[in-house]
Amino acid sequence: MYMVIILVLMSILAVIGTLHNKKTGNRFGFFVGGLFSLALIGVTGLALYDAFVGLQ
């Protein structure tokens, strides 16, 4: 369960970083950070689903 908490924190920080890149006008950083954020949010969602519902 502690790894799920770490994934949630990483997802939050990734989104904050992506929004910071957008605000400062860093187009390349926004694009790469956005892709990383989307992938990380997907993995985090799957981990949360597995932790609370369970995959069978």
PDB file of N, CA and C in Angstrom:
ATOM      1  N   MET A   1       0.826  -1.199   0.000  1.00  0.00           N
ATOM      2  CA  MET A   1       0.000   0.000   0.000  1.00  0.00           C
ATOM      3  C   MET A   1       0.867   1.259   0.000  1.00  0.00           C
ATOM      4  N   TYR A   2       2.047   1.175   0.600  1.00  0.00           N
ATOM      5  CA  TYR A   2       2.896   2.361   0.644  1.00  0.00           C
ATOM      6  C   TYR A   2       3.357   2.768  -0.746  1.00  0.00           C
ATOM      7  N   MET A   3       3.482   1.807  -1.663  1.00  0.00           N
ATOM      8  CA  MET A   3       3.898   2.148  -3.027  1.00  0.00           C
ATOM      9  C   MET A   3       2.795   2.902  -3.758  1.00  0.00           C
ATOM     10  N   VAL A   4       1.541   2.611  -3.441  1.00  0.00           N
ATOM     11  CA  VAL A   4       0.426   3.338  -4.050  1.00  0.00           C
ATOM     12  C   VAL A   4       0.454   4.790  -3.590  1.00  0.00           C
ATOM     13  N   ILE A   5       0.761   5.002  -2.332  1.00  0.00           N
ATOM     14  CA  ILE A   5       0.848   6.369  -1.804  1.00  0.00           C
ATOM     15  C   ILE A   5       1.968   7.129  -2.501  1.00  0.00           C
ATOM     16  N   ILE A   6       3.092   6.473  -2.722  1.00  0.00           N
ATOM     17  CA  ILE A   6       4.205   7.105  -3.431  1.00  0.00           C
ATOM     18  C   ILE A   6       3.801   7.441  -4.864  1.00  0.00           C
ATOM     19  N   LEU A   7       3.072   6.542  -5.526  1.00  0.00           N
ATOM     20  CA  LEU A   7       2.604   6.811  -6.886  1.00  0.00           C
ATOM     21  C   LEU A   7       1.653   8.000  -6.930  1.00  0.00           C
ATOM     22  N   VAL A   8       0.774   8.110  -5.945  1.00  0.00           N
ATOM     23  CA  VAL A   8      -0.157   9.243  -5.899  1.00  0.00           C
ATOM     24  C   VAL A   8       0.617  10.544  -5.729  1.00  0.00           C
ATOM     25  N   LEU A   9       1.598  10.558  -4.838  1.00  0.00           N
ATOM     26  CA  LEU A   9       2.406  11.765  -4.643  1.00  0.00           C
ATOM     27  C   LEU A   9       3.186  12.122  -5.906  1.00  0.00           C
ATOM     28  N   MET A  10       3.733  11.116  -6.575  1.00  0.00           N
ATOM     29  CA  MET A  10       4.461  11.373  -7.824  1.00  0.00           C
ATOM     30  C   MET A  10       3.533  11.931  -8.898  1.00  0.00           C
ATOM     31  N   SER A  11       2.311  11.431  -8.960  1.00  0.00           N
ATOM     32  CA  SER A  11       1.352  11.931  -9.945  1.00  0.00           C
ATOM     33  C   SER A  11       1.007  13.389  -9.681  1.00  0.00           C
ATOM     34  N   ILE A  12       0.805  13.718  -8.425  1.00  0.00           N
ATOM     35  CA  ILE A  12       0.495  15.106  -8.068  1.00  0.00           C
ATOM     36  C   ILE A  12       1.657  16.016  -8.440  1.00  0.00           C
ATOM     37  N   LEU A  13       2.877  15.606  -8.118  1.00  0.00           N
ATOM     38  CA  LEU A  13       4.047  16.420  -8.452  1.00  0.00           C
ATOM     39  C   LEU A  13       4.247  16.534  -9.957  1.00  0.00           C
ATOM     40  N   ALA A  14       3.942  15.481 -10.705  1.00  0.00           N
ATOM     41  CA  ALA A  14       4.076  15.525 -12.163  1.00  0.00           C
ATOM     42  C   ALA A  14       3.090  16.515 -12.768  1.00  0.00           C
ATOM     43  N   VAL A  15       1.868  16.532 -12.257  1.00  0.00           N
ATOM     44  CA  VAL A  15       0.870  17.480 -12.764  1.00  0.00           C
ATOM     45  C   VAL A  15       1.269  18.905 -12.409  1.00  0.00           C
ATOM     46  N   ILE A  16       1.771  19.119 -11.203  1.00  0.00           N
ATOM     47  CA  ILE A  16       2.224  20.454 -10.802  1.00  0.00           C
ATOM     48  C   ILE A  16       3.364  20.916 -11.704  1.00  0.00           C
ATOM     49  N   GLY A  17       4.301  20.025 -11.997  1.00  0.00           N
ATOM     50  CA  GLY A  17       5.408  20.371 -12.886  1.00  0.00           C
ATOM     51  C   GLY A  17       4.947  20.679 -14.293  1.00  0.00           C
ATOM     52  N   THR A  18       3.983  19.920 -14.794  1.00  0.00           N
ATOM     53  CA  THR A  18       3.447  20.169 -16.132  1.00  0.00           C
ATOM     54  C   THR A  18       2.755  21.523 -16.187  1.00  0.00           C
ATOM     55  N   LEU A  19       1.975  21.836 -15.168  1.00  0.00           N
ATOM     56  CA  LEU A  19       1.306  23.138 -15.136  1.00  0.00           C
ATOM     57  C   LEU A  19       2.309  24.280 -15.018  1.00  0.00           C
ATOM     58  N   HIS A  20       3.396  24.049 -14.292  1.00  0.00           N
ATOM     59  CA  HIS A  20       4.448  25.065 -14.185  1.00  0.00           C
ATOM     60  C   HIS A  20       5.109  25.298 -15.544  1.00  0.00           C
ATOM     61  N   ASN A  21       5.355  24.217 -16.284  1.00  0.00           N
ATOM     62  CA  ASN A  21       5.933  24.358 -17.621  1.00  0.00           C
ATOM     63  C   ASN A  21       5.000  25.129 -18.543  1.00  0.00           C
ATOM     64  N   LYS A  22       3.711  24.890 -18.422  1.00  0.00           N
ATOM     65  CA  LYS A  22       2.751  25.615 -19.259  1.00  0.00           C
ATOM     66  C   LYS A  22       2.737  27.097 -18.889  1.00  0.00           C
ATOM     67  N   LYS A  23       2.778  27.377 -17.590  1.00  0.00           N
ATOM     68  CA  LYS A  23       2.720  28.762 -17.125  1.00  0.00           C
ATOM     69  C   LYS A  23       3.954  29.552 -17.536  1.00  0.00           C
ATOM     70  N   THR A  24       5.113  28.910 -17.538  1.00  0.00           N
ATOM     71  CA  THR A  24       6.351  29.607 -17.883  1.00  0.00           C
ATOM     72  C   THR A  24       6.628  29.615 -19.376  1.00  0.00           C
ATOM     73  N   GLY A  25       5.784  28.946 -20.161  1.00  0.00           N
ATOM     74  CA  GLY A  25       5.945  28.975 -21.610  1.00  0.00           C
ATOM     75  C   GLY A  25       6.938  27.971 -22.153  1.00  0.00           C
ATOM     76  N   ASN A  26       7.290  26.980 -21.373  1.00  0.00           N
ATOM     77  CA  ASN A  26       8.219  25.946 -21.813  1.00  0.00           C
ATOM     78  C   ASN A  26       7.427  24.890 -22.591  1.00  0.00           C
ATOM     79  N   ARG A  27       7.342  25.068 -23.910  1.00  0.00           N
ATOM     80  CA  ARG A  27       6.485  24.213 -24.734  1.00  0.00           C
ATOM     81  C   ARG A  27       6.972  22.763 -24.760  1.00  0.00           C
ATOM     82  N   PHE A  28       8.278  22.582 -24.939  1.00  0.00           N
ATOM     83  CA  PHE A  28       8.819  21.214 -24.976  1.00  0.00           C
ATOM     84  C   PHE A  28       8.638  20.519 -23.625  1.00  0.00           C
ATOM     85  N   GLY A  29       8.934  21.226 -22.541  1.00  0.00           N
ATOM     86  CA  GLY A  29       8.760  20.654 -21.207  1.00  0.00           C
ATOM     87  C   GLY A  29       7.310  20.334 -20.911  1.00  0.00           C
ATOM     88  N   PHE A  30       6.406  21.181 -21.406  1.00  0.00           N
ATOM     89  CA  PHE A  30       4.982  20.937 -21.218  1.00  0.00           C
ATOM     90  C   PHE A  30       4.553  19.678 -21.960  1.00  0.00           C
ATOM     91  N   PHE A  31       5.058  19.499 -23.188  1.00  0.00           N
ATOM     92  CA  PHE A  31       4.698  18.322 -23.985  1.00  0.00           C
ATOM     93  C   PHE A  31       5.231  17.039 -23.351  1.00  0.00           C
ATOM     94  N   VAL A  32       6.513  17.030 -23.024  1.00  0.00           N
ATOM     95  CA  VAL A  32       7.121  15.828 -22.434  1.00  0.00           C
ATOM     96  C   VAL A  32       6.545  15.564 -21.040  1.00  0.00           C
ATOM     97  N   GLY A  33       6.399  16.613 -20.245  1.00  0.00           N
ATOM     98  CA  GLY A  33       5.823  16.451 -18.913  1.00  0.00           C
ATOM     99  C   GLY A  33       4.379  16.000 -18.959  1.00  0.00           C
ATOM    100  N   GLY A  34       3.644  16.488 -19.952  1.00  0.00           N
ATOM    101  CA  GLY A  34       2.258  16.067 -20.103  1.00  0.00           C
ATOM    102  C   GLY A  34       2.142  14.594 -20.445  1.00  0.00           C
ATOM    103  N   LEU A  35       3.008  14.122 -21.346  1.00  0.00           N
ATOM    104  CA  LEU A  35       2.999  12.692 -21.676  1.00  0.00           C
ATOM    105  C   LEU A  35       3.372  11.847 -20.462  1.00  0.00           C
ATOM    106  N   PHE A  36       4.390  12.296 -19.721  1.00  0.00           N
ATOM    107  CA  PHE A  36       4.798  11.578 -18.512  1.00  0.00           C
ATOM    108  C   PHE A  36       3.668  11.570 -17.484  1.00  0.00           C
ATOM    109  N   SER A  37       3.007  12.721 -17.332  1.00  0.00           N
ATOM    110  CA  SER A  37       1.909  12.808 -16.368  1.00  0.00           C
ATOM    111  C   SER A  37       0.769  11.873 -16.746  1.00  0.00           C
ATOM    112  N   LEU A  38       0.416  11.839 -18.029  1.00  0.00           N
ATOM    113  CA  LEU A  38      -0.669  10.954 -18.463  1.00  0.00           C
ATOM    114  C   LEU A  38      -0.336   9.487 -18.205  1.00  0.00           C
ATOM    115  N   ALA A  39       0.887   9.102 -18.526  1.00  0.00           N
ATOM    116  CA  ALA A  39       1.294   7.713 -18.291  1.00  0.00           C
ATOM    117  C   ALA A  39       1.296   7.391 -16.798  1.00  0.00           C
ATOM    118  N   LEU A  40       1.801   8.316 -16.002  1.00  0.00           N
ATOM    119  CA  LEU A  40       1.883   8.088 -14.560  1.00  0.00           C
ATOM    120  C   LEU A  40       0.497   8.045 -13.928  1.00  0.00           C
ATOM    121  N   ILE A  41      -0.413   8.886 -14.394  1.00  0.00           N
ATOM    122  CA  ILE A  41      -1.778   8.870 -13.869  1.00  0.00           C
ATOM    123  C   ILE A  41      -2.466   7.553 -14.235  1.00  0.00           C
ATOM    124  N   GLY A  42      -2.200   7.045 -15.438  1.00  0.00           N
ATOM    125  CA  GLY A  42      -2.768   5.754 -15.822  1.00  0.00           C
ATOM    126  C   GLY A  42      -2.280   4.622 -14.939  1.00  0.00           C
ATOM    127  N   VAL A  43      -0.987   4.592 -14.677  1.00  0.00           N
ATOM    128  CA  VAL A  43      -0.419   3.549 -13.813  1.00  0.00           C
ATOM    129  C   VAL A  43      -0.938   3.701 -12.389  1.00  0.00           C
ATOM    130  N   THR A  44      -1.059   4.938 -11.923  1.00  0.00           N
ATOM    131  CA  THR A  44      -1.566   5.177 -10.573  1.00  0.00           C
ATOM    132  C   THR A  44      -3.018   4.742 -10.452  1.00  0.00           C
ATOM    133  N   GLY A  45      -3.813   5.039 -11.476  1.00  0.00           N
ATOM    134  CA  GLY A  45      -5.211   4.603 -11.465  1.00  0.00           C
ATOM    135  C   GLY A  45      -5.336   3.092 -11.418  1.00  0.00           C
ATOM    136  N   LEU A  46      -4.511   2.407 -12.189  1.00  0.00           N
ATOM    137  CA  LEU A  46      -4.519   0.945 -12.174  1.00  0.00           C
ATOM    138  C   LEU A  46      -4.087   0.408 -10.807  1.00  0.00           C
ATOM    139  N   ALA A  47      -3.083   1.040 -10.203  1.00  0.00           N
ATOM    140  CA  ALA A  47      -2.620   0.604  -8.881  1.00  0.00           C
ATOM    141  C   ALA A  47      -3.684   0.850  -7.813  1.00  0.00           C
ATOM    142  N   LEU A  48      -4.380   1.989  -7.902  1.00  0.00           N
ATOM    143  CA  LEU A  48      -5.454   2.261  -6.947  1.00  0.00           C
ATOM    144  C   LEU A  48      -6.594   1.263  -7.110  1.00  0.00           C
ATOM    145  N   TYR A  49      -6.940   0.960  -8.346  1.00  0.00           N
ATOM    146  CA  TYR A  49      -7.988  -0.033  -8.597  1.00  0.00           C
ATOM    147  C   TYR A  49      -7.585  -1.394  -8.038  1.00  0.00           C
ATOM    148  N   ASP A  50      -6.340  -1.763  -8.246  1.00  0.00           N
ATOM    149  CA  ASP A  50      -5.852  -3.044  -7.742  1.00  0.00           C
ATOM    150  C   ASP A  50      -5.843  -3.066  -6.218  1.00  0.00           C
ATOM    151  N   ALA A  51      -5.504  -1.944  -5.601  1.00  0.00           N
ATOM    152  CA  ALA A  51      -5.417  -1.902  -4.142  1.00  0.00           C
ATOM    153  C   ALA A  51      -6.794  -1.978  -3.482  1.00  0.00           C
ATOM    154  N   PHE A  52      -7.788  -1.325  -4.079  1.00  0.00           N
ATOM    155  CA  PHE A  52      -9.090  -1.252  -3.421  1.00  0.00           C
ATOM    156  C   PHE A  52     -10.093  -2.280  -3.937  1.00  0.00           C
ATOM    157  N   VAL A  53     -10.062  -2.599  -5.219  1.00  0.00           N
ATOM    158  CA  VAL A  53     -11.016  -3.551  -5.783  1.00  0.00           C
ATOM    159  C   VAL A  53     -10.361  -4.907  -5.980  1.00  0.00           C
ATOM    160  N   GLY A  54      -9.183  -4.891  -6.559  1.00  0.00           N
ATOM    161  CA  GLY A  54      -8.451  -6.130  -6.796  1.00  0.00           C
ATOM    162  C   GLY A  54      -8.605  -6.616  -8.220  1.00  0.00           C
ATOM    163  N   LEU A  55      -7.506  -6.991  -8.816  1.00  0.00           N
ATOM    164  CA  LEU A  55      -7.511  -7.557 -10.160  1.00  0.00           C
ATOM    165  C   LEU A  55      -7.515  -9.072 -10.046  1.00  0.00           C
ATOM    166  N   GLN A  56      -8.332  -9.712 -10.874  1.00  0.00           N
ATOM    167  CA  GLN A  56      -8.392 -11.173 -10.806  1.00  0.00           C
ATOM    168  C   GLN A  56      -8.172 -11.782 -12.154  1.00  0.00           C
TER     169      GLN A  56
END
